C-alpha cells in the first residue's frame, strides 16, 4: 500500500513538497488555511533566478527547480518566458564586477555586452552613460498569481493530490493534524507554512535562526502596442544583493561605494529590478525590512525611491503604476538557504527560503523527499 502524506500550506514550498511526494507514489493531501494561497508566493516578481545563486549546489538546485517548473507550467497551461536577465553597468566599478563574474563563471550561460549590444537586447534600457551589461540566459519569468493558482488543479488531475482549502491546522499530534474538532492523519506530515511559522511547533521556531522580511513592490500597467522589454532588467544595487555575484573579486569595493552614495537605499534594503508578465505589465521592486512584526502600512517614500532608481537604468513606454503591495516571507539569519528540521518522528518542517522560494523550492523539496538533501 502506498504511503500517505499531509502537507500544510499551499504556497510554493507546499506545492513543491506535494509534487515531490506525489511523483513518488504517495497519497498526498494539502491543507491550506485560505481559499487560495495569498502569501509571499504570489507577491513577488515571478523570477526563477539561478544567477542569484553561487555556483555549486545552490546553482544546481536552481537549475533543477527550473526544469520542474517547466513541467508544472506546461501541465497547468500557464504562461512563462525564458528571456534571461540583463544587468547594466554605468560606472567602471560596476563593469568590472560584471566582467569578473563572467570570467569566473564556469558553467553559466553568461556574456558581457557592449552598450550597443545591450540596447539591441532590450529597448527599455536607459542608454545615457551606459558602459555595457552582463546577459545571463538562465533566468525565467512566471506569473506567480497565475501559477500558484493553477498548479493545484494540475497536481490534483495529474497526480491525484487532494486539496482542502479554508482550513487552518492549529495542532499536530503525530500522526494526526487538527483544525478545531476536525482531524486528518497520514504516515508523514510536512509543515510548509511560510511566514506563519509560529503557529505549529512554536518552541522549535523560537529556537531557530529565523526572522521575517517585508518587501514593497509595484506593478506598471500593460505597455501600449504590445511593447516588450525582453530580459528582466537589473540595476547595480542588485549586484550586492545576490550572493551569486560574490564570485567577483572587486564586489567589496563596489559595495563600499554604494554604502556612501546609496546609504538610504541600503538602509531599507532597496535594490531594483523589473520583469514583464504575459499581459505586458511590468513588476518593479523591491525593499527589505527585517523584523518579526511589521506595521501593516506601506511606506510611500520607499516606492518613490524604487521608481527613482529604476529610472537610472530603464525607461518604459508607460510608467503608470496601477498596483502596489507588500509581501512578508521568512528569512534565515545565519546565512543558510533554508531550514529543514524534524521536530518529531514522522514530521518535517521546510521553511526559511527567504526571497529564493520561486527559484529553489521545487529543487529543494525534490531533494528532501528524495532523500538526497544535505544542509549547506
Protein backbone atom coordinates (compact mmCIF):
# COMPACT_ATOMS: atom_id res chain seq x y z
CA UNK A 1 0.00 0.00 0.00
CA UNK A 2 1.26 3.48 -0.88
CA UNK A 3 2.27 5.77 1.95
CA UNK A 4 0.16 8.81 2.75
CA UNK A 5 1.32 12.37 3.44
CA UNK A 6 -0.24 15.62 4.59
CA UNK A 7 1.29 18.93 3.52
CA UNK A 8 0.31 22.03 5.48
CA UNK A 9 0.39 25.11 3.26
CA UNK A 10 -0.32 25.59 -0.46
CA UNK A 11 2.30 28.23 -1.22
CA UNK A 12 5.28 27.43 -3.42
CA UNK A 13 7.02 25.27 -0.78
CA UNK A 14 3.85 23.32 -0.07
CA UNK A 15 3.16 22.77 -3.78
CA UNK A 16 6.76 21.70 -4.38
CA UNK A 17 6.57 19.25 -1.48
CA UNK A 18 3.24 17.85 -2.69
CA UNK A 19 4.60 17.35 -6.18
CA UNK A 20 7.78 15.62 -4.91
CA UNK A 21 5.70 13.25 -2.78
CA UNK A 22 3.12 12.51 -5.46
CA UNK A 23 5.66 11.57 -8.14
CA UNK A 24 6.99 9.03 -5.61
CA UNK A 25 3.54 7.47 -5.31
CA UNK A 26 2.48 8.97 -2.00
CA UNK A 27 -1.19 9.69 -1.47
CA UNK A 28 -0.97 13.42 -0.78
CA UNK A 29 -3.37 15.84 0.88
CA UNK A 30 -2.58 19.54 1.03
CA UNK A 31 -4.35 21.60 3.69
CA UNK A 32 -4.40 25.40 3.26
CA UNK A 33 -5.81 27.91 5.71
CA UNK A 34 -7.19 30.23 2.98
CA UNK A 35 -9.40 29.61 -0.05
CA UNK A 36 -6.25 30.04 -2.16
CA UNK A 37 -2.61 30.85 -1.50
CA UNK A 38 -2.34 34.60 -0.87
CA UNK A 39 1.03 34.96 0.87
CA UNK A 40 4.54 35.68 -0.36
CA UNK A 41 4.25 33.08 -3.12
CA UNK A 42 2.01 35.40 -5.16
CA UNK A 43 3.59 38.68 -4.03
CA UNK A 44 6.85 38.55 -5.95
CA UNK A 45 8.40 39.09 -9.36
CA UNK A 46 7.84 35.53 -10.50
CA UNK A 47 11.54 35.27 -11.19
CA UNK A 48 13.18 31.86 -11.39
CA UNK A 49 16.62 33.31 -10.78
CA UNK A 50 19.67 30.98 -10.98
CA UNK A 51 22.05 33.91 -11.38
CA UNK A 52 21.38 34.88 -7.78
CA UNK A 53 22.82 31.60 -6.51
CA UNK A 54 26.52 30.85 -6.06
CA UNK A 55 27.95 28.17 -8.33
CA UNK A 56 27.82 24.71 -6.86
CA UNK A 57 24.95 23.06 -5.03
CA UNK A 58 22.59 26.04 -4.92
CA UNK A 59 23.06 26.88 -8.60
CA UNK A 60 22.45 23.23 -9.48
CA UNK A 61 19.36 23.22 -7.26
CA UNK A 62 18.06 26.29 -9.08
CA UNK A 63 18.51 24.66 -12.48
CA UNK A 64 16.78 21.51 -11.27
CA UNK A 65 13.92 23.61 -9.90
CA UNK A 66 13.63 25.38 -13.23
CA UNK A 67 13.27 22.08 -15.08
CA UNK A 68 10.45 21.08 -12.71
CA UNK A 69 8.84 24.49 -13.14
CA UNK A 70 8.68 23.85 -16.88
CA UNK A 71 6.87 20.55 -16.32
CA UNK A 72 4.40 22.13 -13.91
CA UNK A 73 3.71 25.16 -16.11
CA UNK A 74 3.19 23.03 -19.20
CA UNK A 75 0.81 20.76 -17.33
CA UNK A 76 -1.12 23.65 -15.79
CA UNK A 77 -1.21 25.62 -19.04
CA UNK A 78 0.49 28.66 -17.51
CA UNK A 79 2.50 31.40 -19.19
CA UNK A 80 6.28 31.67 -18.81
CA UNK A 81 9.12 33.46 -20.56
CA UNK A 82 12.69 32.21 -20.59
CA UNK A 83 14.21 35.54 -21.59
CA UNK A 84 17.21 35.65 -19.29
CA UNK A 85 18.37 38.69 -17.34
CA UNK A 86 20.27 41.85 -18.18
CA UNK A 87 22.47 43.61 -15.60
CA UNK A 88 23.52 47.14 -16.58
CA UNK A 89 26.72 48.99 -15.73
CA UNK A 90 27.02 52.79 -15.74
CA UNK A 91 30.25 53.12 -13.77
CA UNK A 92 33.56 51.38 -14.32
CA UNK A 93 33.47 49.53 -10.98
CA UNK A 94 30.11 48.02 -11.93
CA UNK A 95 31.51 46.93 -15.27
CA UNK A 96 34.50 45.34 -13.56
CA UNK A 97 32.24 43.26 -11.32
CA UNK A 98 30.26 42.03 -14.32
CA UNK A 99 33.42 41.19 -16.27
CA UNK A 100 34.96 39.35 -13.31
CA UNK A 101 31.76 37.44 -12.67
CA UNK A 102 31.62 36.33 -16.31
CA UNK A 103 35.30 35.34 -16.26
CA UNK A 104 34.97 33.03 -13.24
CA UNK A 105 31.59 31.54 -14.21
CA UNK A 106 32.47 28.07 -15.41
CA UNK A 107 29.02 26.71 -16.13
CA UNK A 108 26.70 29.66 -16.56
CA UNK A 109 25.47 30.87 -19.97
CA UNK A 110 26.64 34.46 -19.42
CA UNK A 111 28.26 37.04 -21.67
CA UNK A 112 29.45 40.63 -21.34
CA UNK A 113 27.77 43.01 -23.78
CA UNK A 114 28.82 46.41 -25.05
CA UNK A 115 26.50 49.40 -24.69
CA UNK A 116 25.31 48.93 -28.27
CA UNK A 117 24.70 45.22 -27.78
CA UNK A 118 22.81 45.94 -24.57
CA UNK A 119 20.46 48.41 -26.25
CA UNK A 120 19.85 45.87 -29.00
CA UNK A 121 18.91 43.30 -26.35
CA UNK A 122 16.25 45.48 -24.74
CA UNK A 123 14.53 48.68 -25.94
CA UNK A 124 13.80 49.55 -22.30
CA UNK A 125 17.41 50.12 -21.22
CA UNK A 126 18.42 53.69 -20.41
CA UNK A 127 21.32 54.35 -22.79
CA UNK A 128 22.62 57.51 -21.07
CA UNK A 129 26.16 56.87 -19.78
CA UNK A 130 25.71 53.13 -20.33
CA UNK A 131 29.02 51.25 -20.41
CA UNK A 132 27.67 47.75 -21.05
CA UNK A 133 25.95 44.86 -19.32
CA UNK A 134 26.00 41.21 -18.41
CA UNK A 135 23.46 38.95 -20.07
CA UNK A 136 22.52 35.64 -18.49
CA UNK A 137 20.34 33.17 -20.38
CA UNK A 138 19.31 31.11 -17.31
CA UNK A 139 16.51 33.21 -15.89
CA UNK A 140 12.82 32.56 -16.45
CA UNK A 141 9.72 34.57 -15.55
CA UNK A 142 6.40 33.10 -14.49
CA UNK A 143 3.27 34.92 -13.37
CA UNK A 144 3.16 33.89 -9.70
CA UNK A 145 -0.50 34.83 -9.31
CA UNK A 146 -1.48 32.59 -12.20
CA UNK A 147 0.95 29.75 -11.50
CA UNK A 148 0.25 29.37 -7.77
CA UNK A 149 -3.49 29.42 -8.51
CA UNK A 150 -3.39 26.90 -11.38
CA UNK A 151 -0.76 24.35 -10.30
CA UNK A 152 -3.03 22.85 -7.59
CA UNK A 153 -5.54 21.87 -10.27
CA UNK A 154 -2.81 20.20 -12.29
CA UNK A 155 -1.47 18.34 -9.25
CA UNK A 156 -4.98 17.17 -8.49
CA UNK A 157 -5.79 15.98 -12.01
CA UNK A 158 -2.40 14.55 -12.97
CA UNK A 159 -1.08 13.22 -9.63
CA UNK A 160 -4.26 12.76 -7.57
CA UNK A 161 -3.22 15.29 -4.93
CA UNK A 162 -6.19 16.31 -2.75
CA UNK A 163 -6.56 19.92 -1.59
CA UNK A 164 -8.50 21.04 1.45
CA UNK A 165 -8.99 24.82 1.47
CA UNK A 166 -10.15 27.29 4.13
CA UNK A 167 -8.82 25.04 6.88
CA UNK A 168 -6.25 26.24 9.41
CA UNK A 169 -4.30 23.50 11.12
CA UNK A 170 -3.76 24.54 14.74
CA UNK A 171 -2.30 21.40 16.29
CA UNK A 172 -0.20 18.38 15.36
CA UNK A 173 -0.15 15.19 17.38
CA UNK A 174 1.51 12.74 15.02
CA UNK A 175 0.09 11.05 13.02
CA UNK A 176 -2.85 13.44 13.35
CA UNK A 177 -3.38 17.08 12.43
CA UNK A 178 -6.27 19.08 13.85
CA UNK A 179 -8.41 22.01 12.78
CA UNK A 180 -10.85 22.55 15.61
CA UNK A 181 -12.77 19.30 16.02
CA UNK A 182 -11.78 18.02 12.58
CA UNK A 183 -8.73 15.83 12.18
CA UNK A 184 -6.79 14.00 9.50
CA UNK A 185 -3.94 11.50 9.72
CA UNK A 186 -1.11 10.35 7.47
CA UNK A 187 2.12 8.40 7.55
CA UNK A 188 4.20 11.56 7.08
CA UNK A 189 3.43 15.21 7.85
CA UNK A 190 5.09 18.24 6.27
CA UNK A 191 4.81 21.76 7.66
CA UNK A 192 5.29 24.34 4.87
CA UNK A 193 3.60 27.31 6.48
CA UNK A 194 5.82 30.19 5.37
CA UNK A 195 5.58 33.33 7.48
CA UNK A 196 3.05 31.69 9.80
CA UNK A 197 5.85 29.66 11.32
CA UNK A 198 4.84 30.42 14.92
CA UNK A 199 1.51 28.57 14.64
CA UNK A 200 2.86 25.00 14.83
CA UNK A 201 5.87 23.93 16.93
CA UNK A 202 6.39 27.48 18.29
CA UNK A 203 9.23 26.34 20.55
CA UNK A 204 11.20 25.00 17.60
CA UNK A 205 10.78 28.20 15.67
CA UNK A 206 11.70 30.39 18.63
CA UNK A 207 14.96 28.45 18.80
CA UNK A 208 15.58 28.65 15.05
CA UNK A 209 17.62 31.44 13.41
CA UNK A 210 14.55 32.86 11.66
CA UNK A 211 13.18 36.34 11.16
CA UNK A 212 10.73 37.86 8.68
CA UNK A 213 11.25 40.18 5.74
CA UNK A 214 8.75 42.72 4.44
CA UNK A 215 9.18 43.82 0.84
CA UNK A 216 7.36 46.51 -1.12
CA UNK A 217 6.62 46.14 -4.82
CA UNK A 218 4.81 47.92 -7.63
CA UNK A 219 3.28 47.00 -10.96
CA UNK A 220 3.13 49.21 -14.04
CA UNK A 221 0.20 48.92 -16.43
CA UNK A 222 0.35 46.81 -19.58
CA UNK A 223 2.62 48.52 -22.05
CA UNK A 224 0.95 50.01 -25.16
CA UNK A 225 1.16 48.31 -28.57
CA UNK A 226 2.30 45.02 -27.00
CA UNK A 227 5.71 46.59 -26.32
CA UNK A 228 8.17 44.14 -24.74
CA UNK A 229 11.19 44.83 -22.56
CA UNK A 230 12.86 41.48 -23.34
CA UNK A 231 15.03 40.13 -20.49
CA UNK A 232 14.39 41.03 -16.88
CA UNK A 233 16.32 44.23 -16.11
CA UNK A 234 18.56 44.86 -13.09
CA UNK A 235 20.38 47.87 -11.72
CA UNK A 236 23.74 47.87 -9.99
CA UNK A 237 22.35 47.58 -6.47
CA UNK A 238 21.28 44.01 -7.29
CA UNK A 239 24.94 43.08 -7.64
CA UNK A 240 25.49 43.44 -3.89
CA UNK A 241 22.16 41.84 -3.02
CA UNK A 242 22.57 38.44 -4.65
CA UNK A 243 25.17 36.01 -3.31
CA UNK A 244 25.97 34.74 -6.78
CA UNK A 245 27.92 37.91 -7.58
CA UNK A 246 30.27 37.42 -4.62
CA UNK A 247 32.44 35.46 -7.02
CA UNK A 248 33.61 38.82 -8.42
CA UNK A 249 36.80 39.94 -6.64
CA UNK A 250 36.03 43.67 -6.82
CA UNK A 251 32.50 43.42 -5.40
CA UNK A 252 33.67 44.62 -1.98
CA UNK A 253 34.91 47.88 -3.49
CA UNK A 254 31.62 48.42 -5.31
CA UNK A 255 29.71 47.79 -2.10
CA UNK A 256 31.87 50.35 -0.31
CA UNK A 257 30.95 53.00 -2.89
CA UNK A 258 27.27 52.13 -2.69
CA UNK A 259 27.38 52.40 1.10
CA UNK A 260 28.48 56.02 0.68
CA UNK A 261 26.31 57.04 -2.28
CA UNK A 262 23.20 54.95 -1.63
CA UNK A 263 23.19 54.68 2.16
CA UNK A 264 19.46 55.44 2.40
CA UNK A 265 18.69 52.76 -0.19
CA UNK A 266 20.73 50.19 1.69
CA UNK A 267 19.08 51.20 4.98
CA UNK A 268 15.77 49.98 3.55
CA UNK A 269 17.29 47.07 1.66
CA UNK A 270 16.36 48.51 -1.72
CA UNK A 271 17.66 47.05 -4.94
CA UNK A 272 15.72 47.44 -8.15
CA UNK A 273 14.70 45.03 -10.88
CA UNK A 274 11.91 44.87 -13.45
CA UNK A 275 10.20 41.92 -15.11
CA UNK A 276 7.31 41.76 -17.56
CA UNK A 277 4.45 39.29 -17.43
CA UNK A 278 2.40 37.79 -20.23
CA UNK A 279 -0.12 40.62 -20.07
CA UNK A 280 2.61 43.18 -20.73
CA UNK A 281 2.53 44.51 -17.16
CA UNK A 282 5.87 45.29 -15.53
CA UNK A 283 6.60 44.28 -11.93
CA UNK A 284 9.12 46.52 -10.15
CA UNK A 285 10.77 46.22 -6.74
CA UNK A 286 11.83 45.85 -4.08
CA UNK A 287 12.76 46.72 -0.49
CA UNK A 288 13.70 44.56 2.52
CA UNK A 289 12.79 45.29 6.14
CA UNK A 290 13.58 42.68 8.81
CA UNK A 291 11.57 42.06 11.99
CA UNK A 292 9.09 39.60 13.47
CA UNK A 293 6.23 42.11 13.41
CA UNK A 294 5.58 44.87 10.87
CA UNK A 295 3.29 47.84 10.52
CA UNK A 296 0.55 46.91 8.03
CA UNK A 297 1.12 50.15 6.13
CA UNK A 298 3.41 50.63 3.16
CA UNK A 299 5.90 53.46 3.06
CA UNK A 300 5.27 55.70 0.07
CA UNK A 301 8.81 57.11 0.13
CA UNK A 302 10.18 53.59 -0.43
CA UNK A 303 8.08 53.22 -3.58
CA UNK A 304 9.33 56.62 -4.73
CA UNK A 305 12.95 55.61 -4.14
CA UNK A 306 12.41 52.38 -6.08
CA UNK A 307 10.94 54.26 -9.05
CA UNK A 308 13.69 56.91 -8.94
CA UNK A 309 16.41 54.28 -9.08
CA UNK A 310 14.53 52.36 -11.77
CA UNK A 311 14.79 55.43 -13.99
CA UNK A 312 18.58 55.30 -13.87
CA UNK A 313 18.67 52.09 -15.92
CA UNK A 314 15.23 51.58 -17.52
CA UNK A 315 12.62 53.60 -19.39
CA UNK A 316 9.20 52.29 -20.36
CA UNK A 317 6.52 53.28 -22.84
CA UNK A 318 4.08 53.76 -19.97
CA UNK A 319 5.38 54.40 -16.42
CA UNK A 320 1.90 54.41 -14.87
CA UNK A 321 1.72 52.47 -11.60
CA UNK A 322 -1.59 50.68 -11.12
CA UNK A 323 -0.84 48.35 -8.20
CA UNK A 324 1.32 48.47 -5.09
CA UNK A 325 1.58 45.86 -2.34
CA UNK A 326 3.87 44.26 0.19
CA UNK A 327 4.79 40.67 0.95
CA UNK A 328 6.28 39.03 4.01
CA UNK A 329 8.45 35.93 3.95
CA UNK A 330 10.57 34.00 6.47
CA UNK A 331 14.32 34.56 6.30
CA UNK A 332 17.25 32.75 7.88
CA UNK A 333 19.53 34.94 9.98
CA UNK A 334 22.57 32.64 9.93
CA UNK A 335 23.27 32.73 6.20
CA UNK A 336 21.75 29.34 5.46
CA UNK A 337 19.45 29.00 2.46
CA UNK A 338 16.62 27.17 4.28
CA UNK A 339 15.67 25.25 7.40
CA UNK A 340 14.68 21.59 7.22
CA UNK A 341 14.07 20.02 10.61
CA UNK A 342 12.21 17.04 12.10
CA UNK A 343 10.61 18.18 15.37
CA UNK A 344 9.37 14.63 15.95
CA UNK A 345 9.32 11.32 14.12
CA UNK A 346 7.14 11.49 11.02
CA UNK A 347 7.05 15.31 10.87
CA UNK A 348 9.25 17.53 8.66
CA UNK A 349 9.33 21.34 8.62
CA UNK A 350 10.54 23.07 5.44
CA UNK A 351 10.85 26.84 5.74
CA UNK A 352 13.11 29.87 5.64
CA UNK A 353 13.87 30.11 1.90
CA UNK A 354 13.72 33.89 2.07
CA UNK A 355 13.47 35.53 -1.33
CA UNK A 356 14.55 32.34 -3.10
CA UNK A 357 11.27 30.46 -2.84
CA UNK A 358 10.38 30.67 -6.52
CA UNK A 359 13.95 29.84 -7.56
CA UNK A 360 14.76 26.94 -5.23
CA UNK A 361 11.62 25.33 -3.81
CA UNK A 362 10.96 22.71 -6.48
CA UNK A 363 14.59 21.59 -6.36
CA UNK A 364 14.92 21.70 -2.58
CA UNK A 365 11.74 19.75 -1.90
CA UNK A 366 12.64 17.15 -4.52
CA UNK A 367 15.92 16.61 -2.62
CA UNK A 368 14.20 16.44 0.78
CA UNK A 369 11.59 13.92 -0.35
CA UNK A 370 14.08 12.00 -2.50
CA UNK A 371 16.49 11.59 0.40
CA UNK A 372 19.40 13.44 -1.18
CA UNK A 373 19.11 16.69 0.80
CA UNK A 374 22.12 17.87 2.76
CA UNK A 375 22.17 21.21 4.59
CA UNK A 376 24.82 23.53 3.15
